[in-house]
Amino acid sequence: MEKIYYRVKFNNNKEDLFQFNKWADSCSYNIDVRYNSKVLDGKSLIGLMGMDISNPIIVILYTDNANDFVEKFSNIILDKIVM
């Protein structure tokens, strides 16, 4: 299993955030969100609601295949980060 990183922007739209959380909660793999210097559980709605979504954040997917994420959230993905 690898870590796959994407930089995303929620467009100041809480609905995007709710959809992301609902999708993340249904995933069998772990998902983290890096916001400033904090790393939050992508499946925690309370944690996600505390973020300032006016700036891009980093989504970390712990999987070998992120196609489902890319298909679902292509409208908020800014780019894939290679580390």
C-alpha atoms as a PDB file:
ATOM      1  CA  MET A   1       0.000   0.000   0.000  1.00  0.00           C
ATOM      2  CA  GLU A   2       1.273   3.441  -0.847  1.00  0.00           C
ATOM      3  CA  LYS A   3       0.356   7.002   0.062  1.00  0.00           C
ATOM      4  CA  ILE A   4      -1.161   9.046  -2.748  1.00  0.00           C
ATOM      5  CA  TYR A   5      -1.299  12.825  -2.320  1.00  0.00           C
ATOM      6  CA  TYR A   6      -3.693  15.287  -3.968  1.00  0.00           C
ATOM      7  CA  ARG A   7      -4.018  19.016  -3.484  1.00  0.00           C
ATOM      8  CA  VAL A   8      -7.706  19.971  -3.458  1.00  0.00           C
ATOM      9  CA  LYS A   9      -9.787  23.121  -3.074  1.00  0.00           C
ATOM     10  CA  PHE A  10     -13.313  22.874  -1.673  1.00  0.00           C
ATOM     11  CA  ASN A  11     -14.408  26.158  -3.331  1.00  0.00           C
ATOM     12  CA  ASN A  12     -15.674  27.578   0.000  1.00  0.00           C
ATOM     13  CA  ASN A  13     -18.518  25.138  -0.350  1.00  0.00           C
ATOM     14  CA  LYS A  14     -19.504  23.104   2.708  1.00  0.00           C
ATOM     15  CA  GLU A  15     -21.524  20.775   0.470  1.00  0.00           C
ATOM     16  CA  ASP A  16     -18.278  19.639  -1.216  1.00  0.00           C
ATOM     17  CA  LEU A  17     -16.877  18.972   2.246  1.00  0.00           C
ATOM     18  CA  PHE A  18     -19.937  16.924   3.275  1.00  0.00           C
ATOM     19  CA  GLN A  19     -19.753  14.885   0.042  1.00  0.00           C
ATOM     20  CA  PHE A  20     -16.044  14.281   0.590  1.00  0.00           C
ATOM     21  CA  ASN A  21     -16.657  13.098   4.156  1.00  0.00           C
ATOM     22  CA  LYS A  22     -19.506  10.813   3.098  1.00  0.00           C
ATOM     23  CA  TRP A  23     -17.328   9.286   0.389  1.00  0.00           C
ATOM     24  CA  ALA A  24     -14.297   8.960   2.717  1.00  0.00           C
ATOM     25  CA  ASP A  25     -16.402   7.252   5.355  1.00  0.00           C
ATOM     26  CA  SER A  26     -17.449   4.607   2.830  1.00  0.00           C
ATOM     27  CA  CYS A  27     -13.845   3.791   1.817  1.00  0.00           C
ATOM     28  CA  SER A  28     -12.105   0.689   3.098  1.00  0.00           C
ATOM     29  CA  TYR A  29      -8.741   2.485   3.268  1.00  0.00           C
ATOM     30  CA  ASN A  30      -7.533   5.334   5.478  1.00  0.00           C
ATOM     31  CA  ILE A  31      -7.701   8.941   4.356  1.00  0.00           C
ATOM     32  CA  ASP A  32      -5.983  11.884   6.013  1.00  0.00           C
ATOM     33  CA  VAL A  33      -6.255  15.580   5.312  1.00  0.00           C
ATOM     34  CA  ARG A  34      -3.288  17.885   5.857  1.00  0.00           C
ATOM     35  CA  TYR A  35      -4.344  21.393   6.750  1.00  0.00           C
ATOM     36  CA  ASN A  36      -1.582  23.875   7.660  1.00  0.00           C
ATOM     37  CA  SER A  37       0.591  21.879  10.076  1.00  0.00           C
ATOM     38  CA  LYS A  38      -2.224  19.554  11.210  1.00  0.00           C
ATOM     39  CA  VAL A  39      -3.127  16.115   9.909  1.00  0.00           C
ATOM     40  CA  LEU A  40      -6.788  15.212  10.358  1.00  0.00           C
ATOM     41  CA  ASP A  41      -8.752  12.025   9.811  1.00  0.00           C
ATOM     42  CA  GLY A  42     -10.626  12.450   6.519  1.00  0.00           C
ATOM     43  CA  LYS A  43     -13.457  10.352   7.928  1.00  0.00           C
ATOM     44  CA  SER A  44     -14.068  12.745  10.837  1.00  0.00           C
ATOM     45  CA  LEU A  45     -16.717  15.297   9.927  1.00  0.00           C
ATOM     46  CA  ILE A  46     -16.090  17.280  13.115  1.00  0.00           C
ATOM     47  CA  GLY A  47     -12.384  17.525  12.297  1.00  0.00           C
ATOM     48  CA  LEU A  48     -13.084  18.568   8.714  1.00  0.00           C
ATOM     49  CA  MET A  49     -15.621  21.206   9.767  1.00  0.00           C
ATOM     50  CA  GLY A  50     -12.912  22.954  11.793  1.00  0.00           C
ATOM     51  CA  MET A  51     -10.783  23.608   8.705  1.00  0.00           C
ATOM     52  CA  ASP A  52     -10.583  26.871   6.814  1.00  0.00           C
ATOM     53  CA  ILE A  53     -11.595  25.610   3.376  1.00  0.00           C
ATOM     54  CA  SER A  54     -10.808  28.897   1.663  1.00  0.00           C
ATOM     55  CA  ASN A  55      -7.270  27.570   1.050  1.00  0.00           C
ATOM     56  CA  PRO A  56      -6.159  24.370  -0.697  1.00  0.00           C
ATOM     57  CA  ILE A  57      -5.543  21.306   1.456  1.00  0.00           C
ATOM     58  CA  ILE A  58      -3.689  18.036   0.913  1.00  0.00           C
ATOM     59  CA  VAL A  59      -5.637  14.754   0.833  1.00  0.00           C
ATOM     60  CA  ILE A  60      -3.577  11.646   1.618  1.00  0.00           C
ATOM     61  CA  LEU A  61      -5.017   8.340   0.425  1.00  0.00           C
ATOM     62  CA  TYR A  62      -3.518   5.131   1.827  1.00  0.00           C
ATOM     63  CA  THR A  63      -4.177   2.901  -1.168  1.00  0.00           C
ATOM     64  CA  ASP A  64      -2.608   1.633  -4.367  1.00  0.00           C
ATOM     65  CA  ASN A  65      -5.441   2.901  -6.542  1.00  0.00           C
ATOM     66  CA  ALA A  66      -7.090   6.319  -6.214  1.00  0.00           C
ATOM     67  CA  ASN A  67      -9.224   6.141  -9.362  1.00  0.00           C
ATOM     68  CA  ASP A  68     -12.461   6.303  -7.361  1.00  0.00           C
ATOM     69  CA  PHE A  69     -11.301   9.532  -5.682  1.00  0.00           C
ATOM     70  CA  VAL A  70     -10.234  11.104  -8.982  1.00  0.00           C
ATOM     71  CA  GLU A  71     -13.534  10.210 -10.676  1.00  0.00           C
ATOM     72  CA  LYS A  72     -15.670  11.486  -7.805  1.00  0.00           C
ATOM     73  CA  PHE A  73     -13.760  14.698  -7.046  1.00  0.00           C
ATOM     74  CA  SER A  74     -12.173  15.792 -10.324  1.00  0.00           C
ATOM     75  CA  ASN A  75     -13.961  19.143  -9.890  1.00  0.00           C
ATOM     76  CA  ILE A  76     -11.999  19.988  -6.704  1.00  0.00           C
ATOM     77  CA  ILE A  77      -8.623  18.337  -7.457  1.00  0.00           C
ATOM     78  CA  LEU A  78      -5.958  20.904  -8.274  1.00  0.00           C
ATOM     79  CA  ASP A  79      -3.125  18.444  -8.839  1.00  0.00           C
ATOM     80  CA  LYS A  80      -1.472  15.219  -7.770  1.00  0.00           C
ATOM     81  CA  ILE A  81       1.603  15.657  -5.598  1.00  0.00           C
ATOM     82  CA  VAL A  82       4.546  13.347  -6.203  1.00  0.00           C
ATOM     83  CA  MET A  83       6.718  12.716  -3.158  1.00  0.00           C
END
